[in-house]
Amino acid sequence: IIIFDRIREGIKTSKKTELAPIINESVSATLSRTVLTSGLTLATVVILYFFGGEMIQGFSLALIVGIIAGTLSSIFVASPTLLWFKFSVLEFRNKEIEKAKRKQDKER
């Protein structure tokens, strides 16, 4: 979600019309935050796995798998999927401009 939000901001503010460089900048901007957040959460869950009881270990194992899969998919799957859908930067910008015009017309 954070990466897609950063891509959306990049589309609005960037002068570029190609999507790949905007995605690259967005992923690079959020990569350290994503890795740190996931890494610290994973470390905490691993500690719970080793020091928790039997019921906590099963839950912790599910969390470990989920954290790893979620982190990898948000970094390596989500952004290329956007490219795969052939998302058009220009169409998005035009739609945003139309929304702003409609909102401005309603306020008058």
C-alpha atoms as a PDB file:
ATOM      1  CA  ILE A   1       0.000   0.000   0.000  1.00  0.00           C
ATOM      2  CA  ILE A   2       2.791   2.391   0.878  1.00  0.00           C
ATOM      3  CA  ILE A   3       4.604   1.697  -2.379  1.00  0.00           C
ATOM      4  CA  PHE A   4       1.436   2.235  -4.434  1.00  0.00           C
ATOM      5  CA  ASP A   5       0.757   5.472  -2.559  1.00  0.00           C
ATOM      6  CA  ARG A   6       4.289   6.653  -3.285  1.00  0.00           C
ATOM      7  CA  ILE A   7       3.837   5.707  -6.961  1.00  0.00           C
ATOM      8  CA  ARG A   8       0.596   7.703  -7.064  1.00  0.00           C
ATOM      9  CA  GLU A   9       2.371  10.724  -5.560  1.00  0.00           C
ATOM     10  CA  GLY A  10       5.232  10.288  -8.023  1.00  0.00           C
ATOM     11  CA  ILE A  11       2.843  10.234 -10.954  1.00  0.00           C
ATOM     12  CA  LYS A  12       1.227  13.454  -9.782  1.00  0.00           C
ATOM     13  CA  THR A  13       4.463  15.334  -9.087  1.00  0.00           C
ATOM     14  CA  SER A  14       6.904  13.908 -11.633  1.00  0.00           C
ATOM     15  CA  LYS A  15       7.366  15.337 -15.099  1.00  0.00           C
ATOM     16  CA  LYS A  16       8.151  11.861 -16.454  1.00  0.00           C
ATOM     17  CA  THR A  17       5.640  10.093 -18.663  1.00  0.00           C
ATOM     18  CA  GLU A  18       7.194   6.629 -18.407  1.00  0.00           C
ATOM     19  CA  LEU A  19       5.946   4.534 -15.507  1.00  0.00           C
ATOM     20  CA  ALA A  20       9.072   2.394 -14.935  1.00  0.00           C
ATOM     21  CA  PRO A  21      11.312   5.244 -13.661  1.00  0.00           C
ATOM     22  CA  ILE A  22       8.540   6.503 -11.383  1.00  0.00           C
ATOM     23  CA  ILE A  23       8.087   3.006  -9.934  1.00  0.00           C
ATOM     24  CA  ASN A  24      11.847   2.643  -9.487  1.00  0.00           C
ATOM     25  CA  GLU A  25      12.073   5.915  -7.557  1.00  0.00           C
ATOM     26  CA  SER A  26       9.049   5.007  -5.438  1.00  0.00           C
ATOM     27  CA  VAL A  27      10.351   1.559  -4.503  1.00  0.00           C
ATOM     28  CA  SER A  28      13.801   3.001  -3.738  1.00  0.00           C
ATOM     29  CA  ALA A  29      12.251   5.659  -1.506  1.00  0.00           C
ATOM     30  CA  THR A  30      10.279   3.134   0.540  1.00  0.00           C
ATOM     31  CA  LEU A  31      12.692   0.186   0.487  1.00  0.00           C
ATOM     32  CA  SER A  32      14.658   0.996   3.637  1.00  0.00           C
ATOM     33  CA  ARG A  33      11.500   1.683   5.618  1.00  0.00           C
ATOM     34  CA  THR A  34       9.887  -1.532   4.399  1.00  0.00           C
ATOM     35  CA  VAL A  35      12.922  -3.667   5.199  1.00  0.00           C
ATOM     36  CA  LEU A  36      13.411  -2.122   8.648  1.00  0.00           C
ATOM     37  CA  THR A  37       9.768  -2.469   9.619  1.00  0.00           C
ATOM     38  CA  SER A  38       9.496  -6.031   8.370  1.00  0.00           C
ATOM     39  CA  GLY A  39      12.868  -7.009   9.809  1.00  0.00           C
ATOM     40  CA  LEU A  40      12.088  -5.742  13.304  1.00  0.00           C
ATOM     41  CA  THR A  41       8.654  -7.343  13.263  1.00  0.00           C
ATOM     42  CA  LEU A  42      10.162 -10.596  12.033  1.00  0.00           C
ATOM     43  CA  ALA A  43      12.811 -10.519  14.781  1.00  0.00           C
ATOM     44  CA  THR A  44      10.122 -10.073  17.421  1.00  0.00           C
ATOM     45  CA  VAL A  45       8.041 -12.937  16.051  1.00  0.00           C
ATOM     46  CA  VAL A  46      11.093 -15.224  15.825  1.00  0.00           C
ATOM     47  CA  ILE A  47      11.811 -14.525  19.504  1.00  0.00           C
ATOM     48  CA  LEU A  48       8.185 -15.379  20.309  1.00  0.00           C
ATOM     49  CA  TYR A  49       8.577 -18.599  18.332  1.00  0.00           C
ATOM     50  CA  PHE A  50      11.602 -19.748  20.333  1.00  0.00           C
ATOM     51  CA  PHE A  51      10.473 -18.612  23.784  1.00  0.00           C
ATOM     52  CA  GLY A  52       6.702 -19.031  23.473  1.00  0.00           C
ATOM     53  CA  GLY A  53       4.612 -22.026  24.325  1.00  0.00           C
ATOM     54  CA  GLU A  54       3.265 -24.620  21.938  1.00  0.00           C
ATOM     55  CA  MET A  55       0.241 -22.576  20.887  1.00  0.00           C
ATOM     56  CA  ILE A  56       2.309 -19.420  20.436  1.00  0.00           C
ATOM     57  CA  GLN A  57       4.831 -21.295  18.281  1.00  0.00           C
ATOM     58  CA  GLY A  58       2.209 -22.287  15.720  1.00  0.00           C
ATOM     59  CA  PHE A  59       0.870 -18.749  15.577  1.00  0.00           C
ATOM     60  CA  SER A  60       4.396 -17.331  15.359  1.00  0.00           C
ATOM     61  CA  LEU A  61       5.282 -19.658  12.505  1.00  0.00           C
ATOM     62  CA  ALA A  62       2.246 -18.467  10.553  1.00  0.00           C
ATOM     63  CA  LEU A  63       3.265 -14.855  11.217  1.00  0.00           C
ATOM     64  CA  ILE A  64       6.853 -15.525  10.099  1.00  0.00           C
ATOM     65  CA  VAL A  65       5.659 -16.965   6.790  1.00  0.00           C
ATOM     66  CA  GLY A  66       3.198 -14.094   6.347  1.00  0.00           C
ATOM     67  CA  ILE A  67       5.749 -11.376   7.077  1.00  0.00           C
ATOM     68  CA  ILE A  68       8.285 -12.844   4.658  1.00  0.00           C
ATOM     69  CA  ALA A  69       5.709 -13.419   1.901  1.00  0.00           C
ATOM     70  CA  GLY A  70       4.128  -9.995   2.386  1.00  0.00           C
ATOM     71  CA  THR A  71       7.434  -8.158   2.317  1.00  0.00           C
ATOM     72  CA  LEU A  72       8.692  -9.959  -0.767  1.00  0.00           C
ATOM     73  CA  SER A  73       5.426  -9.538  -2.630  1.00  0.00           C
ATOM     74  CA  SER A  74       5.136  -5.832  -1.844  1.00  0.00           C
ATOM     75  CA  ILE A  75       8.676  -5.200  -3.080  1.00  0.00           C
ATOM     76  CA  PHE A  76       9.026  -7.614  -5.996  1.00  0.00           C
ATOM     77  CA  VAL A  77       5.484  -8.426  -7.169  1.00  0.00           C
ATOM     78  CA  ALA A  78       3.232  -5.393  -6.655  1.00  0.00           C
ATOM     79  CA  SER A  79       5.174  -2.853  -8.710  1.00  0.00           C
ATOM     80  CA  PRO A  80       5.873  -5.078 -11.734  1.00  0.00           C
ATOM     81  CA  THR A  81       2.186  -6.004 -11.720  1.00  0.00           C
ATOM     82  CA  LEU A  82       1.375  -2.341 -12.254  1.00  0.00           C
ATOM     83  CA  LEU A  83       3.667  -2.349 -15.300  1.00  0.00           C
ATOM     84  CA  TRP A  84       2.106  -5.585 -16.486  1.00  0.00           C
ATOM     85  CA  PHE A  85      -1.347  -3.948 -16.480  1.00  0.00           C
ATOM     86  CA  LYS A  86       0.087  -1.291 -18.833  1.00  0.00           C
ATOM     87  CA  PHE A  87      -1.026   1.535 -16.596  1.00  0.00           C
ATOM     88  CA  SER A  88      -0.862   4.866 -18.443  1.00  0.00           C
ATOM     89  CA  VAL A  89       0.609   7.823 -16.572  1.00  0.00           C
ATOM     90  CA  LEU A  90      -0.948  10.303 -18.967  1.00  0.00           C
ATOM     91  CA  GLU A  91      -4.428   8.799 -18.595  1.00  0.00           C
ATOM     92  CA  PHE A  92      -4.098   8.940 -14.799  1.00  0.00           C
ATOM     93  CA  ARG A  93      -3.034  12.583 -14.894  1.00  0.00           C
ATOM     94  CA  ASN A  94      -5.902  13.464 -17.238  1.00  0.00           C
ATOM     95  CA  LYS A  95      -8.405  11.764 -14.924  1.00  0.00           C
ATOM     96  CA  GLU A  96      -6.994  13.654 -11.932  1.00  0.00           C
ATOM     97  CA  ILE A  97      -7.301  16.946 -13.823  1.00  0.00           C
ATOM     98  CA  GLU A  98     -10.905  16.120 -14.761  1.00  0.00           C
ATOM     99  CA  LYS A  99     -11.726  15.311 -11.115  1.00  0.00           C
ATOM    100  CA  ALA A 100     -10.239  18.593  -9.964  1.00  0.00           C
ATOM    101  CA  LYS A 101     -12.207  20.527 -12.602  1.00  0.00           C
ATOM    102  CA  ARG A 102     -15.475  18.812 -11.638  1.00  0.00           C
ATOM    103  CA  LYS A 103     -14.844  19.535  -7.974  1.00  0.00           C
ATOM    104  CA  GLN A 104     -14.061  23.158  -8.765  1.00  0.00           C
ATOM    105  CA  ASP A 105     -17.238  23.482 -10.863  1.00  0.00           C
ATOM    106  CA  LYS A 106     -19.358  22.060  -8.018  1.00  0.00           C
ATOM    107  CA  GLU A 107     -17.920  24.597  -5.582  1.00  0.00           C
ATOM    108  CA  ARG A 108     -18.983  27.503  -7.802  1.00  0.00           C
END
